């Protein structure tokens, strides 16, 4: 009789254990979370567990993208170019008109004029390069005429440079009706080509080895001093 009761008790305990295991497998665990049949968390659950937003912006070459922030695409500020090329504020022939005029009745010189036809101020550096096509070289510069400051031309304003002329007849003299003028950069190199400038009179300019061209000046009087 006792053996029968013991057998029945053991059978009842085994049934309870099997039922408990079945319920655990169906519910997915003690924390109450339902188990995924594949054994992997869904992408929605993974995104919800992430505190920071996902950044899908591609980084530009040479840049490291920060999370939540697109990389900057701003171009670097433009800088002044070296000698031989015009800088940001240099006067250039495209916006500067070069001409020649008589020097107020002074037969010993003529005046080159540079007028800013652009919409912004520009700087005239050093002296102009004045090429004598007859002699095949540039005129020498009068270094004593260097101004105290760079000539800055506002739109519509004019600067002046004087060219001295030979007054006495000599075998070293020659005449030319046209000279080629090139503007200078801050580094004293040519900017953007040259322009041909005609003499103010039909006889042309009488030039010899002593002919000089001055630095740009803000007034006619300054150039002829």
N, C-alpha and C. Protein backbone atom coordinates (compact mmCIF):
# COMPACT_ATOMS: atom_id res chain seq x y z
N UNK A 1 0.84 -1.22 0.00
CA UNK A 1 0.00 0.00 0.00
C UNK A 1 0.86 1.25 0.00
N UNK A 2 1.85 1.26 0.88
CA UNK A 2 2.77 2.42 0.91
C UNK A 2 3.55 2.55 -0.40
N UNK A 3 3.93 1.47 -1.00
CA UNK A 3 4.67 1.51 -2.28
C UNK A 3 3.82 2.15 -3.36
N UNK A 4 2.53 1.86 -3.33
CA UNK A 4 1.63 2.42 -4.34
C UNK A 4 1.51 3.92 -4.16
N UNK A 5 1.39 4.38 -2.92
CA UNK A 5 1.28 5.82 -2.65
C UNK A 5 2.55 6.55 -3.05
N UNK A 6 3.68 5.96 -2.77
CA UNK A 6 4.95 6.60 -3.16
C UNK A 6 5.06 6.73 -4.68
N UNK A 7 4.63 5.71 -5.39
CA UNK A 7 4.71 5.74 -6.86
C UNK A 7 3.84 6.83 -7.42
N UNK A 8 2.59 6.95 -6.82
CA UNK A 8 1.69 8.00 -7.30
C UNK A 8 2.26 9.39 -7.01
N UNK A 9 2.89 9.60 -5.86
CA UNK A 9 3.48 10.92 -5.52
C UNK A 9 4.62 11.28 -6.47
N UNK A 10 5.45 10.30 -6.78
CA UNK A 10 6.57 10.57 -7.71
C UNK A 10 6.07 10.95 -9.09
N UNK A 11 4.99 10.23 -9.53
CA UNK A 11 4.41 10.53 -10.83
C UNK A 11 3.85 11.93 -10.86
N UNK A 12 3.21 12.37 -9.76
CA UNK A 12 2.66 13.73 -9.72
C UNK A 12 3.73 14.80 -9.77
N UNK A 13 4.84 14.60 -9.06
CA UNK A 13 5.95 15.57 -9.10
C UNK A 13 6.56 15.67 -10.49
N UNK A 14 6.69 14.55 -11.18
CA UNK A 14 7.24 14.57 -12.54
C UNK A 14 6.34 15.35 -13.48
N UNK A 15 5.03 15.22 -13.32
CA UNK A 15 4.09 15.96 -14.18
C UNK A 15 4.19 17.45 -13.95
N UNK A 16 4.33 17.83 -12.67
CA UNK A 16 4.48 19.26 -12.36
C UNK A 16 5.75 19.83 -12.98
N UNK A 17 6.86 19.08 -12.94
CA UNK A 17 8.13 19.55 -13.53
C UNK A 17 8.02 19.74 -15.02
N UNK A 18 7.38 18.76 -15.70
CA UNK A 18 7.22 18.85 -17.16
C UNK A 18 6.37 20.06 -17.52
N UNK A 19 5.29 20.29 -16.77
CA UNK A 19 4.41 21.45 -17.04
C UNK A 19 5.15 22.76 -16.83
N UNK A 20 5.98 22.83 -15.80
CA UNK A 20 6.75 24.06 -15.53
C UNK A 20 7.73 24.36 -16.65
N UNK A 21 8.41 23.32 -17.15
CA UNK A 21 9.36 23.52 -18.26
C UNK A 21 8.63 23.99 -19.51
N UNK A 22 7.47 23.47 -19.78
CA UNK A 22 6.71 23.86 -20.97
C UNK A 22 6.31 25.32 -20.91
N UNK A 23 5.88 25.77 -19.73
CA UNK A 23 5.48 27.17 -19.59
C UNK A 23 6.67 28.11 -19.74
N UNK A 24 7.81 27.71 -19.24
CA UNK A 24 9.02 28.54 -19.36
C UNK A 24 9.43 28.70 -20.82
N UNK A 25 9.36 27.59 -21.59
CA UNK A 25 9.74 27.65 -23.01
C UNK A 25 8.80 28.53 -23.79
N UNK A 26 7.51 28.54 -23.45
CA UNK A 26 6.54 29.36 -24.18
C UNK A 26 6.69 30.83 -23.85
N UNK A 27 6.94 31.20 -22.59
CA UNK A 27 7.02 32.61 -22.18
C UNK A 27 8.35 33.23 -22.50
N UNK A 28 9.44 32.49 -22.67
CA UNK A 28 10.73 33.03 -23.08
C UNK A 28 11.63 33.39 -21.95
N UNK A 29 11.29 33.33 -20.69
CA UNK A 29 12.24 33.62 -19.62
C UNK A 29 11.56 34.21 -18.44
N UNK A 30 12.37 34.34 -17.38
CA UNK A 30 11.81 34.84 -16.13
C UNK A 30 11.50 36.32 -16.19
N UNK A 31 12.13 37.12 -17.13
CA UNK A 31 11.89 38.55 -17.19
C UNK A 31 10.63 38.91 -17.94
N UNK A 32 9.92 37.91 -18.48
CA UNK A 32 8.65 38.18 -19.16
C UNK A 32 8.81 38.55 -20.61
N UNK A 33 10.03 38.56 -21.17
CA UNK A 33 10.25 38.91 -22.58
C UNK A 33 10.00 37.71 -23.46
N UNK A 34 9.21 37.91 -24.50
CA UNK A 34 8.89 36.81 -25.39
C UNK A 34 10.07 36.49 -26.27
N UNK A 35 10.45 35.26 -26.34
CA UNK A 35 11.64 34.86 -27.09
C UNK A 35 11.38 34.92 -28.58
N UNK A 36 12.41 35.38 -29.36
CA UNK A 36 12.37 35.37 -30.83
C UNK A 36 12.73 33.98 -31.30
N UNK A 37 11.92 33.36 -32.15
CA UNK A 37 12.25 32.00 -32.61
C UNK A 37 13.61 31.91 -33.26
N UNK A 38 14.09 32.94 -33.90
CA UNK A 38 15.41 32.91 -34.56
C UNK A 38 16.54 33.07 -33.59
N UNK A 39 16.25 33.53 -32.37
CA UNK A 39 17.29 33.71 -31.36
C UNK A 39 18.01 35.02 -31.49
N UNK A 40 17.60 35.98 -32.40
CA UNK A 40 18.27 37.28 -32.60
C UNK A 40 17.29 38.40 -32.36
N UNK A 41 17.77 39.55 -31.79
CA UNK A 41 16.93 40.72 -31.55
C UNK A 41 16.59 41.39 -32.85
N UNK A 42 15.42 41.97 -32.98
CA UNK A 42 15.00 42.66 -34.19
C UNK A 42 15.73 43.98 -34.32
N UNK A 43 15.85 44.52 -35.59
CA UNK A 43 16.53 45.79 -35.83
C UNK A 43 15.83 46.93 -35.14
N UNK A 44 14.50 46.87 -34.99
CA UNK A 44 13.77 47.94 -34.33
C UNK A 44 14.15 48.02 -32.87
N UNK A 45 14.32 46.84 -32.20
CA UNK A 45 14.74 46.84 -30.80
C UNK A 45 16.14 47.39 -30.66
N UNK A 46 17.07 47.06 -31.63
CA UNK A 46 18.46 47.54 -31.55
C UNK A 46 18.51 49.04 -31.69
N UNK A 47 17.71 49.63 -32.60
CA UNK A 47 17.72 51.08 -32.77
C UNK A 47 17.16 51.77 -31.55
N UNK A 48 16.12 51.17 -30.96
CA UNK A 48 15.49 51.81 -29.80
C UNK A 48 16.42 51.83 -28.61
N UNK A 49 17.36 50.86 -28.53
CA UNK A 49 18.29 50.80 -27.41
C UNK A 49 19.46 51.74 -27.56
N UNK A 50 19.60 52.39 -28.73
CA UNK A 50 20.72 53.30 -28.99
C UNK A 50 20.36 54.72 -28.59
N UNK A 51 21.19 55.36 -27.78
CA UNK A 51 20.91 56.71 -27.30
C UNK A 51 21.16 57.75 -28.37
N UNK A 52 22.20 57.58 -29.27
CA UNK A 52 22.61 58.58 -30.25
C UNK A 52 21.98 58.28 -31.60
N UNK A 53 21.61 59.34 -32.38
CA UNK A 53 21.02 59.11 -33.71
C UNK A 53 22.05 58.55 -34.67
N UNK A 54 21.57 57.78 -35.65
CA UNK A 54 22.47 57.18 -36.64
C UNK A 54 22.78 58.21 -37.70
N UNK A 55 24.06 58.43 -38.02
CA UNK A 55 24.47 59.39 -39.04
C UNK A 55 24.82 58.65 -40.30
N UNK A 56 24.08 58.93 -41.38
CA UNK A 56 24.33 58.28 -42.66
C UNK A 56 25.02 59.19 -43.65
N UNK A 57 25.52 60.37 -43.19
CA UNK A 57 26.19 61.32 -44.10
C UNK A 57 27.58 60.82 -44.41
N UNK A 58 27.94 60.71 -45.71
CA UNK A 58 29.30 60.24 -46.05
C UNK A 58 30.32 61.33 -45.77
N UNK A 59 31.47 60.93 -45.27
CA UNK A 59 32.55 61.89 -45.01
C UNK A 59 33.22 62.27 -46.31
N UNK A 60 33.57 63.55 -46.47
CA UNK A 60 34.31 64.01 -47.63
C UNK A 60 35.77 63.57 -47.52
N UNK A 61 36.51 63.50 -48.65
CA UNK A 61 37.93 63.15 -48.58
C UNK A 61 38.68 64.09 -47.66
N UNK A 62 39.45 63.50 -46.76
CA UNK A 62 40.24 64.30 -45.85
C UNK A 62 39.47 64.81 -44.67
N UNK A 63 38.18 64.41 -44.49
CA UNK A 63 37.36 64.88 -43.39
C UNK A 63 36.85 63.70 -42.61
N UNK A 64 36.63 63.89 -41.32
CA UNK A 64 36.05 62.89 -40.45
C UNK A 64 34.70 63.37 -40.00
N UNK A 65 33.66 62.59 -40.34
CA UNK A 65 32.31 63.01 -40.02
C UNK A 65 32.02 62.69 -38.56
N UNK A 66 31.43 63.65 -37.84
CA UNK A 66 31.01 63.44 -36.47
C UNK A 66 29.57 62.94 -36.47
N UNK A 67 29.22 62.13 -35.46
CA UNK A 67 27.86 61.61 -35.40
C UNK A 67 26.86 62.74 -35.25
N UNK A 68 25.80 62.65 -36.08
CA UNK A 68 24.75 63.65 -35.98
C UNK A 68 25.11 64.96 -36.63
N UNK A 69 26.26 65.06 -37.35
CA UNK A 69 26.68 66.32 -37.95
C UNK A 69 27.27 66.04 -39.32
N UNK A 70 26.75 66.70 -40.37
CA UNK A 70 27.27 66.51 -41.72
C UNK A 70 28.60 67.21 -41.86
N UNK A 71 29.57 66.64 -42.61
CA UNK A 71 30.88 67.28 -42.77
C UNK A 71 30.79 68.58 -43.54
N UNK A 72 31.64 69.52 -43.23
CA UNK A 72 31.63 70.83 -43.89
C UNK A 72 32.15 70.71 -45.30
N UNK A 73 31.51 71.45 -46.24
CA UNK A 73 31.95 71.45 -47.64
C UNK A 73 32.40 72.83 -48.07
N UNK A 74 32.65 73.75 -47.10
CA UNK A 74 33.05 75.12 -47.44
C UNK A 74 34.44 75.13 -48.06
N UNK A 75 34.61 75.92 -49.13
CA UNK A 75 35.91 76.01 -49.79
C UNK A 75 36.82 76.94 -49.01
N UNK A 76 38.15 76.67 -49.02
CA UNK A 76 39.07 77.54 -48.30
C UNK A 76 39.08 78.94 -48.89
N UNK A 77 39.34 79.90 -48.03
CA UNK A 77 39.39 81.28 -48.49
C UNK A 77 40.49 81.44 -49.52
N UNK A 78 40.11 82.12 -50.39
CA UNK A 78 41.09 82.36 -51.41
C UNK A 78 42.20 83.25 -50.88
N UNK A 79 43.62 83.04 -51.28
CA UNK A 79 44.78 83.80 -50.83
C UNK A 79 45.47 84.48 -52.01
N UNK A 80 46.32 85.47 -51.71
CA UNK A 80 47.04 86.20 -52.76
C UNK A 80 47.99 85.26 -53.50
N UNK A 81 48.01 85.38 -54.82
CA UNK A 81 48.86 84.53 -55.63
C UNK A 81 50.28 85.09 -55.67
N UNK A 82 51.28 84.25 -55.96
CA UNK A 82 52.67 84.71 -55.98
C UNK A 82 52.97 85.61 -57.16
N UNK A 83 54.22 86.12 -57.21
CA UNK A 83 54.64 87.01 -58.28
C UNK A 83 54.42 86.42 -59.65
N UNK A 84 54.03 87.26 -60.59
CA UNK A 84 53.74 86.79 -61.94
C UNK A 84 52.25 86.66 -62.18
N UNK A 85 51.45 86.68 -61.11
CA UNK A 85 49.99 86.61 -61.26
C UNK A 85 49.37 87.70 -60.40
N UNK A 86 48.25 88.22 -60.88
CA UNK A 86 47.60 89.31 -60.15
C UNK A 86 46.96 88.79 -58.88
N UNK A 87 47.05 89.58 -57.81
CA UNK A 87 46.39 89.23 -56.56
C UNK A 87 44.97 89.73 -56.54
N UNK A 88 44.31 89.56 -55.40
CA UNK A 88 42.90 89.92 -55.29
C UNK A 88 42.63 91.40 -55.53
N UNK A 89 43.59 92.27 -55.14
CA UNK A 89 43.31 93.71 -55.21
C UNK A 89 44.19 94.44 -56.21
N UNK A 90 44.98 93.72 -57.00
CA UNK A 90 45.83 94.39 -57.98
C UNK A 90 45.00 95.01 -59.10
N UNK A 91 45.40 96.19 -59.56
CA UNK A 91 44.81 96.75 -60.77
C UNK A 91 45.26 95.91 -61.96
N UNK A 92 44.34 95.53 -62.81
CA UNK A 92 44.66 94.73 -63.99
C UNK A 92 44.12 95.43 -65.23
N UNK A 93 44.64 95.05 -66.38
CA UNK A 93 44.29 95.75 -67.61
C UNK A 93 42.83 95.57 -67.98
N UNK A 94 42.20 94.49 -67.51
CA UNK A 94 40.80 94.27 -67.84
C UNK A 94 39.88 95.35 -67.28
N UNK A 95 40.28 95.98 -66.18
CA UNK A 95 39.44 97.01 -65.57
C UNK A 95 40.19 98.34 -65.41
N UNK A 96 41.39 98.44 -65.97
CA UNK A 96 42.19 99.67 -65.85
C UNK A 96 42.55 100.18 -67.24
N UNK A 97 42.16 101.41 -67.55
CA UNK A 97 42.47 101.99 -68.86
C UNK A 97 43.79 102.75 -68.78
N UNK A 98 44.73 102.40 -69.66
CA UNK A 98 46.04 103.06 -69.72
C UNK A 98 46.05 103.98 -70.94
N UNK A 99 46.48 105.21 -70.74
CA UNK A 99 46.58 106.18 -71.85
C UNK A 99 47.83 107.04 -71.64
N UNK A 100 48.08 107.94 -72.59
CA UNK A 100 49.23 108.84 -72.51
C UNK A 100 48.77 110.25 -72.85
N UNK A 101 49.28 111.24 -72.15
CA UNK A 101 48.92 112.63 -72.39
C UNK A 101 50.14 113.52 -72.24
N UNK A 102 50.04 114.72 -72.81
CA UNK A 102 51.12 115.69 -72.65
C UNK A 102 51.16 116.18 -71.21
N UNK A 103 52.33 116.61 -70.80
CA UNK A 103 52.55 116.97 -69.40
C UNK A 103 52.35 118.46 -69.17
N UNK A 104 51.21 118.98 -69.53
CA UNK A 104 50.90 120.37 -69.23
C UNK A 104 51.87 121.38 -69.82
N UNK A 105 52.30 121.16 -71.04
CA UNK A 105 53.22 122.09 -71.69
C UNK A 105 54.69 121.82 -71.42
N UNK A 106 55.01 120.80 -70.63
CA UNK A 106 56.41 120.45 -70.38
C UNK A 106 56.89 119.52 -71.49
N UNK A 107 57.80 119.98 -72.36
CA UNK A 107 58.25 119.13 -73.47
C UNK A 107 59.21 118.03 -73.03
N UNK A 108 59.68 118.09 -71.78
CA UNK A 108 60.67 117.12 -71.34
C UNK A 108 60.07 115.83 -70.80
N UNK A 109 58.74 115.72 -70.83
CA UNK A 109 58.11 114.51 -70.29
C UNK A 109 56.70 114.35 -70.85
N UNK A 110 56.21 113.12 -70.78
CA UNK A 110 54.81 112.83 -71.03
C UNK A 110 54.29 112.04 -69.83
N UNK A 111 52.97 111.96 -69.72
CA UNK A 111 52.36 111.28 -68.59
C UNK A 111 51.58 110.05 -69.03
N UNK A 112 51.87 108.92 -68.38
CA UNK A 112 51.00 107.76 -68.50
C UNK A 112 49.89 107.91 -67.47
N UNK A 113 48.68 107.59 -67.85
CA UNK A 113 47.55 107.64 -66.92
C UNK A 113 46.94 106.25 -66.79
N UNK A 114 46.52 105.92 -65.57
CA UNK A 114 45.84 104.65 -65.29
C UNK A 114 44.54 104.97 -64.58
N UNK A 115 43.40 104.65 -65.21
CA UNK A 115 42.09 104.97 -64.65
C UNK A 115 41.36 103.67 -64.31
N UNK A 116 40.87 103.61 -63.08
CA UNK A 116 40.14 102.42 -62.61
C UNK A 116 38.72 102.45 -63.14
N UNK A 117 38.42 101.59 -64.11
CA UNK A 117 37.07 101.49 -64.66
C UNK A 117 36.26 100.37 -64.01
N UNK A 118 36.80 99.75 -62.97
CA UNK A 118 36.10 98.67 -62.29
C UNK A 118 35.14 99.20 -61.24
N UNK A 119 34.54 98.28 -60.50
CA UNK A 119 33.56 98.64 -59.48
C UNK A 119 34.12 98.57 -58.07
N UNK A 120 35.41 98.23 -57.93
CA UNK A 120 36.02 98.12 -56.61
C UNK A 120 37.40 98.78 -56.64
N UNK A 121 37.89 99.25 -55.49
CA UNK A 121 39.24 99.83 -55.45
C UNK A 121 40.29 98.79 -55.84
N UNK A 122 41.40 99.27 -56.41
CA UNK A 122 42.50 98.38 -56.75
C UNK A 122 43.82 99.09 -56.46
N UNK A 123 44.90 98.32 -56.38
CA UNK A 123 46.21 98.86 -56.02
C UNK A 123 47.15 98.85 -57.21
N UNK A 124 47.83 99.97 -57.41
CA UNK A 124 48.87 100.08 -58.44
C UNK A 124 50.22 99.97 -57.75
N UNK A 125 50.91 98.88 -57.98
CA UNK A 125 52.19 98.65 -57.32
C UNK A 125 53.36 99.09 -58.19
N UNK A 126 54.40 99.62 -57.52
CA UNK A 126 55.68 99.92 -58.15
C UNK A 126 55.51 100.86 -59.35
N UNK A 127 56.35 100.68 -60.37
CA UNK A 127 56.26 101.47 -61.60
C UNK A 127 55.75 100.57 -62.72
N UNK A 128 55.14 101.14 -63.73
CA UNK A 128 54.70 100.30 -64.85
C UNK A 128 55.90 99.80 -65.64
N UNK A 129 55.73 98.62 -66.25
CA UNK A 129 56.74 98.14 -67.20
C UNK A 129 56.42 98.80 -68.54
N UNK A 130 57.35 99.60 -69.04
CA UNK A 130 57.16 100.31 -70.31
C UNK A 130 58.18 99.78 -71.30
N UNK A 131 57.71 99.07 -72.28
CA UNK A 131 58.59 98.47 -73.28
C UNK A 131 58.70 99.37 -74.51
N UNK A 132 59.94 99.66 -74.88
CA UNK A 132 60.23 100.45 -76.08
C UNK A 132 60.42 99.47 -77.23
N UNK A 133 59.45 99.36 -78.14
CA UNK A 133 59.57 98.36 -79.21
C UNK A 133 60.69 98.64 -80.20
N UNK A 134 61.13 99.90 -80.30
CA UNK A 134 62.23 100.21 -81.22
C UNK A 134 63.55 99.71 -80.64
N UNK A 135 63.81 100.00 -79.38
CA UNK A 135 65.04 99.55 -78.75
C UNK A 135 64.96 98.08 -78.33
N UNK A 136 63.75 97.57 -78.12
CA UNK A 136 63.59 96.16 -77.77
C UNK A 136 63.83 95.85 -76.30
N UNK A 137 63.64 96.83 -75.43
CA UNK A 137 63.80 96.57 -73.99
C UNK A 137 62.91 97.52 -73.20
N UNK A 138 62.81 97.25 -71.89
CA UNK A 138 62.00 98.12 -71.02
C UNK A 138 62.77 99.37 -70.64
N UNK A 139 62.04 100.46 -70.45
CA UNK A 139 62.67 101.69 -69.96
C UNK A 139 63.11 101.49 -68.50
N UNK A 140 64.19 102.17 -68.14
CA UNK A 140 64.67 102.12 -66.76
C UNK A 140 63.70 102.86 -65.84
N UNK A 141 63.71 102.51 -64.54
CA UNK A 141 62.80 103.12 -63.56
C UNK A 141 63.55 104.17 -62.74
N UNK A 142 62.89 105.29 -62.53
CA UNK A 142 63.43 106.33 -61.66
C UNK A 142 63.17 105.93 -60.21
N UNK A 143 64.18 105.34 -59.56
CA UNK A 143 64.00 104.83 -58.21
C UNK A 143 63.80 105.94 -57.19
N UNK A 144 64.22 107.16 -57.52
CA UNK A 144 64.02 108.27 -56.59
C UNK A 144 62.56 108.71 -56.49
N UNK A 145 61.71 108.17 -57.36
CA UNK A 145 60.30 108.60 -57.38
C UNK A 145 59.39 107.67 -56.58
N UNK A 146 59.97 106.74 -55.85
CA UNK A 146 59.14 105.79 -55.11
C UNK A 146 58.29 106.50 -54.07
N UNK A 147 56.97 106.30 -54.09
CA UNK A 147 56.09 107.00 -53.13
C UNK A 147 56.17 106.36 -51.74
N UNK A 148 55.62 107.05 -50.75
CA UNK A 148 55.65 106.54 -49.39
C UNK A 148 54.63 105.43 -49.16
N UNK A 149 53.62 105.38 -50.00
CA UNK A 149 52.58 104.35 -49.84
C UNK A 149 52.12 103.86 -51.21
N UNK A 150 51.56 102.66 -51.23
CA UNK A 150 51.01 102.11 -52.47
C UNK A 150 49.83 102.97 -52.93
N UNK A 151 49.75 103.20 -54.23
CA UNK A 151 48.65 103.99 -54.79
C UNK A 151 47.42 103.09 -54.89
N UNK A 152 46.35 103.47 -54.18
CA UNK A 152 45.08 102.73 -54.23
C UNK A 152 44.08 103.58 -55.00
N UNK A 153 43.57 102.99 -56.07
CA UNK A 153 42.64 103.72 -56.94
C UNK A 153 41.20 103.34 -56.63
N UNK A 154 40.40 104.32 -56.24
CA UNK A 154 38.96 104.10 -56.12
C UNK A 154 38.36 104.04 -57.52
N UNK A 155 37.19 103.44 -57.69
CA UNK A 155 36.56 103.42 -59.01
C UNK A 155 36.42 104.83 -59.59
N UNK A 156 36.86 104.98 -60.85
CA UNK A 156 36.78 106.27 -61.53
C UNK A 156 37.97 107.17 -61.32
N UNK A 157 38.89 106.82 -60.40
CA UNK A 157 40.04 107.69 -60.14
C UNK A 157 41.22 107.31 -61.03
N UNK A 158 42.19 108.27 -61.16
CA UNK A 158 43.33 108.11 -62.08
C UNK A 158 44.64 108.32 -61.34
N UNK A 159 45.64 107.53 -61.72
CA UNK A 159 47.01 107.69 -61.22
C UNK A 159 47.91 108.04 -62.40
N UNK A 160 49.15 108.50 -62.07
CA UNK A 160 50.03 109.04 -63.12
C UNK A 160 51.46 108.53 -62.93
N UNK A 161 52.13 108.32 -64.08
CA UNK A 161 53.56 108.01 -64.10
C UNK A 161 54.19 108.79 -65.25
N UNK A 162 55.32 109.42 -65.00
CA UNK A 162 55.96 110.27 -66.02
C UNK A 162 57.04 109.51 -66.77
N UNK A 163 57.17 109.80 -68.04
CA UNK A 163 58.27 109.29 -68.88
C UNK A 163 59.08 110.50 -69.33
N UNK A 164 60.35 110.53 -68.97
CA UNK A 164 61.21 111.65 -69.40
C UNK A 164 61.61 111.46 -70.86
N UNK A 165 61.77 112.58 -71.56
CA UNK A 165 62.10 112.55 -72.98
C UNK A 165 63.43 113.25 -73.23
N UNK A 166 64.10 112.83 -74.31
CA UNK A 166 65.36 113.49 -74.71
C UNK A 166 65.03 114.81 -75.38
N UNK A 167 65.78 115.87 -75.01
CA UNK A 167 65.53 117.20 -75.56
C UNK A 167 66.55 117.60 -76.62
N UNK A 168 67.71 117.06 -76.52
CA UNK A 168 68.75 117.40 -77.49
C UNK A 168 68.92 116.28 -78.50
N UNK A 169 69.21 116.71 -79.71
CA UNK A 169 69.44 115.72 -80.76
C UNK A 169 70.75 114.98 -80.49
N UNK A 170 70.73 113.69 -80.69
CA UNK A 170 71.91 112.88 -80.45
C UNK A 170 71.80 111.61 -81.28
N UNK A 171 72.94 111.04 -81.57
CA UNK A 171 72.93 109.77 -82.31
C UNK A 171 72.34 108.63 -81.46
N UNK A 172 72.25 108.86 -80.16
CA UNK A 172 71.66 107.83 -79.28
C UNK A 172 70.14 107.95 -79.19
N UNK A 173 69.60 109.02 -79.76
CA UNK A 173 68.16 109.21 -79.71
C UNK A 173 67.44 108.38 -80.77
N UNK A 174 66.22 108.02 -80.48
CA UNK A 174 65.35 107.44 -81.49
C UNK A 174 63.91 107.80 -81.12
N UNK A 175 63.02 107.66 -82.08
CA UNK A 175 61.63 108.02 -81.85
C UNK A 175 60.74 106.79 -81.97
N UNK A 176 59.72 106.77 -81.16
CA UNK A 176 58.71 105.71 -81.23
C UNK A 176 57.33 106.33 -81.01
N UNK A 177 56.36 105.87 -81.74
CA UNK A 177 55.00 106.39 -81.59
C UNK A 177 54.15 105.55 -80.63
N UNK A 178 54.66 104.38 -80.26
CA UNK A 178 53.90 103.48 -79.40
C UNK A 178 54.82 102.81 -78.40
N UNK A 179 54.35 102.67 -77.18
CA UNK A 179 55.05 101.86 -76.18
C UNK A 179 54.06 100.82 -75.65
N UNK A 180 54.60 99.72 -75.16
CA UNK A 180 53.78 98.67 -74.56
C UNK A 180 53.87 98.76 -73.04
N UNK A 181 52.72 98.80 -72.37
CA UNK A 181 52.68 98.99 -70.92
C UNK A 181 52.10 97.75 -70.25
N UNK A 182 52.79 97.28 -69.22
CA UNK A 182 52.33 96.16 -68.38
C UNK A 182 52.29 96.63 -66.94
N UNK A 183 51.21 96.32 -66.24
CA UNK A 183 51.10 96.68 -64.83
C UNK A 183 51.88 95.69 -63.98
N UNK A 184 52.28 96.13 -62.79
CA UNK A 184 53.11 95.30 -61.92
C UNK A 184 52.32 94.77 -60.73
N UNK A 185 52.72 93.60 -60.26
CA UNK A 185 52.16 93.04 -59.03
C UNK A 185 52.96 93.56 -57.84
N UNK A 186 52.52 93.16 -56.64
CA UNK A 186 53.24 93.55 -55.43
C UNK A 186 54.66 93.01 -55.44
N UNK A 187 54.86 91.84 -56.04
CA UNK A 187 56.19 91.24 -56.14
C UNK A 187 56.99 91.80 -57.30
N UNK A 188 56.45 92.84 -57.98
CA UNK A 188 57.12 93.51 -59.10
C UNK A 188 57.31 92.60 -60.30
N UNK A 189 56.31 91.76 -60.55
CA UNK A 189 56.26 90.97 -61.77
C UNK A 189 55.08 91.47 -62.60
N UNK A 190 55.08 91.13 -63.89
CA UNK A 190 53.99 91.57 -64.75
C UNK A 190 52.68 90.87 -64.40
N UNK A 191 51.55 91.53 -64.66
CA UNK A 191 50.25 90.94 -64.33
C UNK A 191 49.69 90.13 -65.48
N UNK A 192 48.94 90.75 -66.37
CA UNK A 192 48.14 90.00 -67.34
C UNK A 192 48.35 90.48 -68.77
N UNK A 193 49.58 90.49 -69.23
CA UNK A 193 49.85 90.93 -70.59
C UNK A 193 50.12 92.43 -70.66
N UNK A 194 50.08 92.98 -71.86
CA UNK A 194 50.40 94.40 -72.04
C UNK A 194 49.36 95.06 -72.95
N UNK A 195 49.39 96.38 -72.92
CA UNK A 195 48.54 97.15 -73.81
C UNK A 195 49.40 98.16 -74.56
N UNK A 196 49.12 98.37 -75.84
CA UNK A 196 49.86 99.33 -76.64
C UNK A 196 49.28 100.72 -76.42
N UNK A 197 50.16 101.68 -76.12
CA UNK A 197 49.73 103.05 -75.83
C UNK A 197 50.41 104.00 -76.82
N UNK A 198 49.63 104.82 -77.47
CA UNK A 198 50.17 105.73 -78.49
C UNK A 198 50.60 107.05 -77.86
N UNK A 199 51.61 107.68 -78.49
CA UNK A 199 52.09 108.98 -78.03
C UNK A 199 51.02 110.04 -78.29
N UNK A 200 51.00 111.11 -77.49
CA UNK A 200 49.97 112.14 -77.67
C UNK A 200 50.15 112.99 -78.92
N UNK A 201 51.32 113.00 -79.54
CA UNK A 201 51.57 113.79 -80.75
C UNK A 201 52.01 112.91 -81.90
N UNK A 202 51.86 113.38 -83.15
CA UNK A 202 52.22 112.57 -84.31
C UNK A 202 53.71 112.33 -84.45
N UNK A 203 54.54 113.16 -83.85
CA UNK A 203 55.99 113.00 -84.00
C UNK A 203 56.52 111.83 -83.18
N UNK A 204 55.77 111.38 -82.21
CA UNK A 204 56.23 110.27 -81.39
C UNK A 204 57.09 110.76 -80.23
N UNK A 205 57.62 109.83 -79.47
CA UNK A 205 58.44 110.13 -78.30
C UNK A 205 59.92 110.01 -78.67
N UNK A 206 60.69 111.03 -78.27
CA UNK A 206 62.14 110.98 -78.49
C UNK A 206 62.81 110.38 -77.24
N UNK A 207 63.37 109.20 -77.41
CA UNK A 207 63.90 108.42 -76.28
C UNK A 207 65.38 108.18 -76.48
N UNK A 208 66.11 108.15 -75.36
CA UNK A 208 67.52 107.77 -75.40
C UNK A 208 67.83 106.93 -74.14
N UNK A 209 69.04 106.45 -73.96
CA UNK A 209 69.36 105.58 -72.81
C UNK A 209 69.10 106.21 -71.44
N UNK A 210 69.00 107.55 -71.37
CA UNK A 210 68.76 108.19 -70.08
C UNK A 210 67.27 108.31 -69.73
N UNK A 211 66.39 107.88 -70.64
CA UNK A 211 64.95 107.97 -70.40
C UNK A 211 64.54 107.09 -69.23
N UNK A 212 63.68 107.64 -68.37
CA UNK A 212 63.23 106.92 -67.18
C UNK A 212 61.70 107.01 -67.09
N UNK A 213 61.11 106.03 -66.39
CA UNK A 213 59.69 106.07 -66.05
C UNK A 213 59.58 106.07 -64.53
N UNK A 214 58.67 106.88 -64.00
CA UNK A 214 58.53 107.00 -62.55
C UNK A 214 57.56 105.95 -62.00
N UNK A 215 57.55 105.83 -60.68
CA UNK A 215 56.51 105.05 -59.99
C UNK A 215 55.16 105.74 -60.18
N UNK A 216 54.11 104.97 -60.00
CA UNK A 216 52.77 105.56 -60.05
C UNK A 216 52.59 106.55 -58.91
N UNK A 217 51.93 107.65 -59.21
CA UNK A 217 51.66 108.71 -58.23
C UNK A 217 50.18 109.07 -58.27
N UNK A 218 49.71 109.69 -57.21
CA UNK A 218 48.28 110.03 -57.13
C UNK A 218 47.96 111.34 -57.87
N UNK A 219 48.97 112.14 -58.18
CA UNK A 219 48.74 113.43 -58.87
C UNK A 219 49.73 113.60 -60.00
N UNK A 220 49.37 114.48 -60.94
CA UNK A 220 50.30 114.80 -62.03
C UNK A 220 51.55 115.48 -61.48
N UNK A 221 51.36 116.38 -60.53
CA UNK A 221 52.50 117.10 -59.96
C UNK A 221 53.49 116.13 -59.29
N UNK A 222 52.94 115.13 -58.61
CA UNK A 222 53.82 114.14 -57.98
C UNK A 222 54.64 113.36 -58.97
N UNK A 223 54.04 113.03 -60.13
CA UNK A 223 54.78 112.28 -61.15
C UNK A 223 55.84 113.13 -61.84
N UNK A 224 55.61 114.43 -61.96
CA UNK A 224 56.54 115.33 -62.68
C UNK A 224 57.57 115.99 -61.75
N UNK A 225 57.50 115.69 -60.48
CA UNK A 225 58.40 116.34 -59.52
C UNK A 225 59.85 115.97 -59.79
